[in-house]
Amino acid sequence: MALPKRPRHYAAEILELATLEERRAAFEKVPAALKPRVEEYVRNEWAQRPFRKPRR
């Protein structure tokens, strides 16, 4: 039996996508009950990206 995805998993998948259209389409597939949390994770990550050190 497969376990349901957690909000962080949805957010991670959305953050990997290249275009805004792809990200919006993926966000529309998130269950309604999880959308606020997923949106929070995605917005937080985008806000922190300029301050992160690049990975080697």
PDB file of N, CA and C in Angstrom:
ATOM      1  N   MET A   1       0.843  -1.177   0.000  1.00  0.00           N
ATOM      2  CA  MET A   1       0.000   0.000   0.000  1.00  0.00           C
ATOM      3  C   MET A   1       0.887   1.238   0.000  1.00  0.00           C
ATOM      4  N   ALA A   2       0.643   2.131  -0.928  1.00  0.00           N
ATOM      5  CA  ALA A   2       1.429   3.358  -1.024  1.00  0.00           C
ATOM      6  C   ALA A   2       0.898   4.393  -0.032  1.00  0.00           C
ATOM      7  N   LEU A   3       1.821   5.032   0.645  1.00  0.00           N
ATOM      8  CA  LEU A   3       1.428   6.076   1.579  1.00  0.00           C
ATOM      9  C   LEU A   3       1.139   7.371   0.817  1.00  0.00           C
ATOM     10  N   PRO A   4       0.203   8.180   1.321  1.00  0.00           N
ATOM     11  CA  PRO A   4      -0.066   9.445   0.639  1.00  0.00           C
ATOM     12  C   PRO A   4       1.130  10.384   0.756  1.00  0.00           C
ATOM     13  N   LYS A   5       1.267  11.250  -0.225  1.00  0.00           N
ATOM     14  CA  LYS A   5       2.376  12.203  -0.213  1.00  0.00           C
ATOM     15  C   LYS A   5       2.153  13.256   0.852  1.00  0.00           C
ATOM     16  N   ARG A   6       3.240  13.700   1.413  1.00  0.00           N
ATOM     17  CA  ARG A   6       3.209  14.779   2.403  1.00  0.00           C
ATOM     18  C   ARG A   6       3.330  16.111   1.669  1.00  0.00           C
ATOM     19  N   PRO A   7       2.919  17.218   2.302  1.00  0.00           N
ATOM     20  CA  PRO A   7       3.023  18.524   1.647  1.00  0.00           C
ATOM     21  C   PRO A   7       4.427  18.863   1.177  1.00  0.00           C
ATOM     22  N   ARG A   8       5.436  18.462   1.925  1.00  0.00           N
ATOM     23  CA  ARG A   8       6.818  18.749   1.523  1.00  0.00           C
ATOM     24  C   ARG A   8       7.196  18.021   0.235  1.00  0.00           C
ATOM     25  N   HIS A   9       6.630  16.846   0.029  1.00  0.00           N
ATOM     26  CA  HIS A   9       6.915  16.114  -1.211  1.00  0.00           C
ATOM     27  C   HIS A   9       6.324  16.844  -2.414  1.00  0.00           C
ATOM     28  N   TYR A  10       5.095  17.312  -2.259  1.00  0.00           N
ATOM     29  CA  TYR A  10       4.490  18.093  -3.345  1.00  0.00           C
ATOM     30  C   TYR A  10       5.322  19.344  -3.611  1.00  0.00           C
ATOM     31  N   ALA A  11       5.726  20.047  -2.562  1.00  0.00           N
ATOM     32  CA  ALA A  11       6.508  21.271  -2.724  1.00  0.00           C
ATOM     33  C   ALA A  11       7.838  20.980  -3.413  1.00  0.00           C
ATOM     34  N   ALA A  12       8.495  19.902  -3.039  1.00  0.00           N
ATOM     35  CA  ALA A  12       9.779  19.550  -3.657  1.00  0.00           C
ATOM     36  C   ALA A  12       9.606  19.279  -5.150  1.00  0.00           C
ATOM     37  N   GLU A  13       8.540  18.599  -5.513  1.00  0.00           N
ATOM     38  CA  GLU A  13       8.283  18.323  -6.925  1.00  0.00           C
ATOM     39  C   GLU A  13       8.026  19.617  -7.695  1.00  0.00           C
ATOM     40  N   ILE A  14       7.271  20.521  -7.086  1.00  0.00           N
ATOM     41  CA  ILE A  14       6.964  21.798  -7.738  1.00  0.00           C
ATOM     42  C   ILE A  14       8.235  22.619  -7.917  1.00  0.00           C
ATOM     43  N   LEU A  15       9.087  22.636  -6.922  1.00  0.00           N
ATOM     44  CA  LEU A  15      10.311  23.432  -6.980  1.00  0.00           C
ATOM     45  C   LEU A  15      11.300  22.915  -8.025  1.00  0.00           C
ATOM     46  N   GLU A  16      11.212  21.658  -8.396  1.00  0.00           N
ATOM     47  CA  GLU A  16      12.114  21.095  -9.401  1.00  0.00           C
ATOM     48  C   GLU A  16      11.730  21.496 -10.826  1.00  0.00           C
ATOM     49  N   LEU A  17      10.505  21.965 -11.022  1.00  0.00           N
ATOM     50  CA  LEU A  17      10.026  22.283 -12.364  1.00  0.00           C
ATOM     51  C   LEU A  17      10.636  23.581 -12.863  1.00  0.00           C
ATOM     52  N   ALA A  18      10.814  23.663 -14.184  1.00  0.00           N
ATOM     53  CA  ALA A  18      11.560  24.772 -14.780  1.00  0.00           C
ATOM     54  C   ALA A  18      10.711  26.016 -15.043  1.00  0.00           C
ATOM     55  N   THR A  19       9.482  25.833 -15.474  1.00  0.00           N
ATOM     56  CA  THR A  19       8.706  27.003 -15.882  1.00  0.00           C
ATOM     57  C   THR A  19       7.552  27.272 -14.921  1.00  0.00           C
ATOM     58  N   LEU A  20       7.100  28.506 -14.940  1.00  0.00           N
ATOM     59  CA  LEU A  20       5.985  28.913 -14.098  1.00  0.00           C
ATOM     60  C   LEU A  20       4.715  28.151 -14.464  1.00  0.00           C
ATOM     61  N   GLU A  21       4.510  27.926 -15.740  1.00  0.00           N
ATOM     62  CA  GLU A  21       3.321  27.199 -16.178  1.00  0.00           C
ATOM     63  C   GLU A  21       3.320  25.771 -15.638  1.00  0.00           C
ATOM     64  N   GLU A  22       4.486  25.130 -15.672  1.00  0.00           N
ATOM     65  CA  GLU A  22       4.600  23.766 -15.132  1.00  0.00           C
ATOM     66  C   GLU A  22       4.338  23.759 -13.627  1.00  0.00           C
ATOM     67  N   ARG A  23       4.889  24.737 -12.933  1.00  0.00           N
ATOM     68  CA  ARG A  23       4.685  24.811 -11.480  1.00  0.00           C
ATOM     69  C   ARG A  23       3.222  25.043 -11.135  1.00  0.00           C
ATOM     70  N   ARG A  24       2.565  25.922 -11.885  1.00  0.00           N
ATOM     71  CA  ARG A  24       1.136  26.180 -11.634  1.00  0.00           C
ATOM     72  C   ARG A  24       0.298  24.938 -11.915  1.00  0.00           C
ATOM     73  N   ALA A  25       0.609  24.228 -12.978  1.00  0.00           N
ATOM     74  CA  ALA A  25      -0.134  23.006 -13.308  1.00  0.00           C
ATOM     75  C   ALA A  25       0.058  21.955 -12.218  1.00  0.00           C
ATOM     76  N   ALA A  26       1.266  21.826 -11.708  1.00  0.00           N
ATOM     77  CA  ALA A  26       1.536  20.857 -10.640  1.00  0.00           C
ATOM     78  C   ALA A  26       0.811  21.255  -9.356  1.00  0.00           C
ATOM     79  N   PHE A  27       0.769  22.558  -9.071  1.00  0.00           N
ATOM     80  CA  PHE A  27       0.092  23.029  -7.863  1.00  0.00           C
ATOM     81  C   PHE A  27      -1.406  22.746  -7.940  1.00  0.00           C
ATOM     82  N   GLU A  28      -1.982  22.818  -9.121  1.00  0.00           N
ATOM     83  CA  GLU A  28      -3.411  22.534  -9.282  1.00  0.00           C
ATOM     84  C   GLU A  28      -3.737  21.073  -8.975  1.00  0.00           C
ATOM     85  N   LYS A  29      -2.762  20.191  -9.087  1.00  0.00           N
ATOM     86  CA  LYS A  29      -2.979  18.766  -8.823  1.00  0.00           C
ATOM     87  C   LYS A  29      -2.870  18.420  -7.338  1.00  0.00           C
ATOM     88  N   VAL A  30      -2.426  19.367  -6.523  1.00  0.00           N
ATOM     89  CA  VAL A  30      -2.295  19.137  -5.081  1.00  0.00           C
ATOM     90  C   VAL A  30      -3.692  19.101  -4.462  1.00  0.00           C
ATOM     91  N   PRO A  31      -3.959  18.148  -3.567  1.00  0.00           N
ATOM     92  CA  PRO A  31      -5.268  18.104  -2.903  1.00  0.00           C
ATOM     93  C   PRO A  31      -5.558  19.428  -2.181  1.00  0.00           C
ATOM     94  N   ALA A  32      -6.814  19.839  -2.204  1.00  0.00           N
ATOM     95  CA  ALA A  32      -7.223  21.133  -1.644  1.00  0.00           C
ATOM     96  C   ALA A  32      -6.833  21.280  -0.172  1.00  0.00           C
ATOM     97  N   ALA A  33      -6.904  20.213   0.584  1.00  0.00           N
ATOM     98  CA  ALA A  33      -6.585  20.287   2.010  1.00  0.00           C
ATOM     99  C   ALA A  33      -5.107  20.580   2.254  1.00  0.00           C
ATOM    100  N   LEU A  34      -4.246  20.253   1.290  1.00  0.00           N
ATOM    101  CA  LEU A  34      -2.809  20.443   1.456  1.00  0.00           C
ATOM    102  C   LEU A  34      -2.276  21.705   0.785  1.00  0.00           C
ATOM    103  N   LYS A  35      -3.075  22.347  -0.046  1.00  0.00           N
ATOM    104  CA  LYS A  35      -2.599  23.493  -0.829  1.00  0.00           C
ATOM    105  C   LYS A  35      -2.014  24.623   0.016  1.00  0.00           C
ATOM    106  N   PRO A  36      -2.662  25.039   1.111  1.00  0.00           N
ATOM    107  CA  PRO A  36      -2.059  26.140   1.881  1.00  0.00           C
ATOM    108  C   PRO A  36      -0.658  25.811   2.406  1.00  0.00           C
ATOM    109  N   ARG A  37      -0.462  24.589   2.875  1.00  0.00           N
ATOM    110  CA  ARG A  37       0.844  24.204   3.410  1.00  0.00           C
ATOM    111  C   ARG A  37       1.879  24.102   2.296  1.00  0.00           C
ATOM    112  N   VAL A  38       1.490  23.530   1.163  1.00  0.00           N
ATOM    113  CA  VAL A  38       2.405  23.405   0.020  1.00  0.00           C
ATOM    114  C   VAL A  38       2.802  24.798  -0.470  1.00  0.00           C
ATOM    115  N   GLU A  39       1.835  25.687  -0.569  1.00  0.00           N
ATOM    116  CA  GLU A  39       2.124  27.055  -1.010  1.00  0.00           C
ATOM    117  C   GLU A  39       3.098  27.734  -0.043  1.00  0.00           C
ATOM    118  N   GLU A  40       2.909  27.516   1.243  1.00  0.00           N
ATOM    119  CA  GLU A  40       3.810  28.091   2.245  1.00  0.00           C
ATOM    120  C   GLU A  40       5.240  27.575   2.050  1.00  0.00           C
ATOM    121  N   TYR A  41       5.404  26.291   1.843  1.00  0.00           N
ATOM    122  CA  TYR A  41       6.736  25.718   1.647  1.00  0.00           C
ATOM    123  C   TYR A  41       7.402  26.266   0.390  1.00  0.00           C
ATOM    124  N   VAL A  42       6.633  26.361  -0.697  1.00  0.00           N
ATOM    125  CA  VAL A  42       7.193  26.855  -1.960  1.00  0.00           C
ATOM    126  C   VAL A  42       7.586  28.326  -1.833  1.00  0.00           C
ATOM    127  N   ARG A  43       6.714  29.128  -1.241  1.00  0.00           N
ATOM    128  CA  ARG A  43       7.029  30.555  -1.070  1.00  0.00           C
ATOM    129  C   ARG A  43       8.250  30.755  -0.173  1.00  0.00           C
ATOM    130  N   ASN A  44       8.356  29.983   0.884  1.00  0.00           N
ATOM    131  CA  ASN A  44       9.512  30.089   1.778  1.00  0.00           C
ATOM    132  C   ASN A  44      10.803  29.738   1.056  1.00  0.00           C
ATOM    133  N   GLU A  45      10.769  28.699   0.256  1.00  0.00           N
ATOM    134  CA  GLU A  45      11.964  28.290  -0.477  1.00  0.00           C
ATOM    135  C   GLU A  45      12.374  29.361  -1.476  1.00  0.00           C
ATOM    136  N   TRP A  46      11.424  29.919  -2.209  1.00  0.00           N
ATOM    137  CA  TRP A  46      11.747  30.962  -3.182  1.00  0.00           C
ATOM    138  C   TRP A  46      12.290  32.202  -2.480  1.00  0.00           C
ATOM    139  N   ALA A  47      11.805  32.504  -1.292  1.00  0.00           N
ATOM    140  CA  ALA A  47      12.290  33.669  -0.550  1.00  0.00           C
ATOM    141  C   ALA A  47      13.718  33.454  -0.055  1.00  0.00           C
ATOM    142  N   GLN A  48      14.099  32.221   0.226  1.00  0.00           N
ATOM    143  CA  GLN A  48      15.422  31.922   0.773  1.00  0.00           C
ATOM    144  C   GLN A  48      16.478  31.665  -0.289  1.00  0.00           C
ATOM    145  N   ARG A  49      16.081  31.381  -1.500  1.00  0.00           N
ATOM    146  CA  ARG A  49      17.042  31.013  -2.551  1.00  0.00           C
ATOM    147  C   ARG A  49      18.155  32.033  -2.772  1.00  0.00           C
ATOM    148  N   PRO A  50      17.880  33.341  -2.788  1.00  0.00           N
ATOM    149  CA  PRO A  50      18.986  34.286  -3.029  1.00  0.00           C
ATOM    150  C   PRO A  50      20.058  34.249  -1.938  1.00  0.00           C
ATOM    151  N   PHE A  51      19.725  33.754  -0.766  1.00  0.00           N
ATOM    152  CA  PHE A  51      20.653  33.767   0.351  1.00  0.00           C
ATOM    153  C   PHE A  51      21.381  32.435   0.556  1.00  0.00           C
ATOM    154  N   ARG A  52      21.022  31.437  -0.207  1.00  0.00           N
ATOM    155  CA  ARG A  52      21.655  30.120  -0.064  1.00  0.00           C
ATOM    156  C   ARG A  52      22.989  30.096  -0.810  1.00  0.00           C
ATOM    157  N   LYS A  53      23.928  29.377  -0.257  1.00  0.00           N
ATOM    158  CA  LYS A  53      25.200  29.170  -0.931  1.00  0.00           C
ATOM    159  C   LYS A  53      25.025  28.124  -2.009  1.00  0.00           C
ATOM    160  N   PRO A  54      25.639  28.312  -3.167  1.00  0.00           N
ATOM    161  CA  PRO A  54      25.514  27.292  -4.220  1.00  0.00           C
ATOM    162  C   PRO A  54      26.138  25.970  -3.789  1.00  0.00           C
ATOM    163  N   ARG A  55      25.523  24.886  -4.180  1.00  0.00           N
ATOM    164  CA  ARG A  55      26.065  23.556  -3.868  1.00  0.00           C
ATOM    165  C   ARG A  55      27.179  23.232  -4.831  1.00  0.00           C
ATOM    166  N   ARG A  56      28.144  22.487  -4.352  1.00  0.00           N
ATOM    167  CA  ARG A  56      29.261  22.076  -5.199  1.00  0.00           C
ATOM    168  C   ARG A  56      29.070  20.717  -5.748  1.00  0.00           C
TER     169      ARG A  56
END
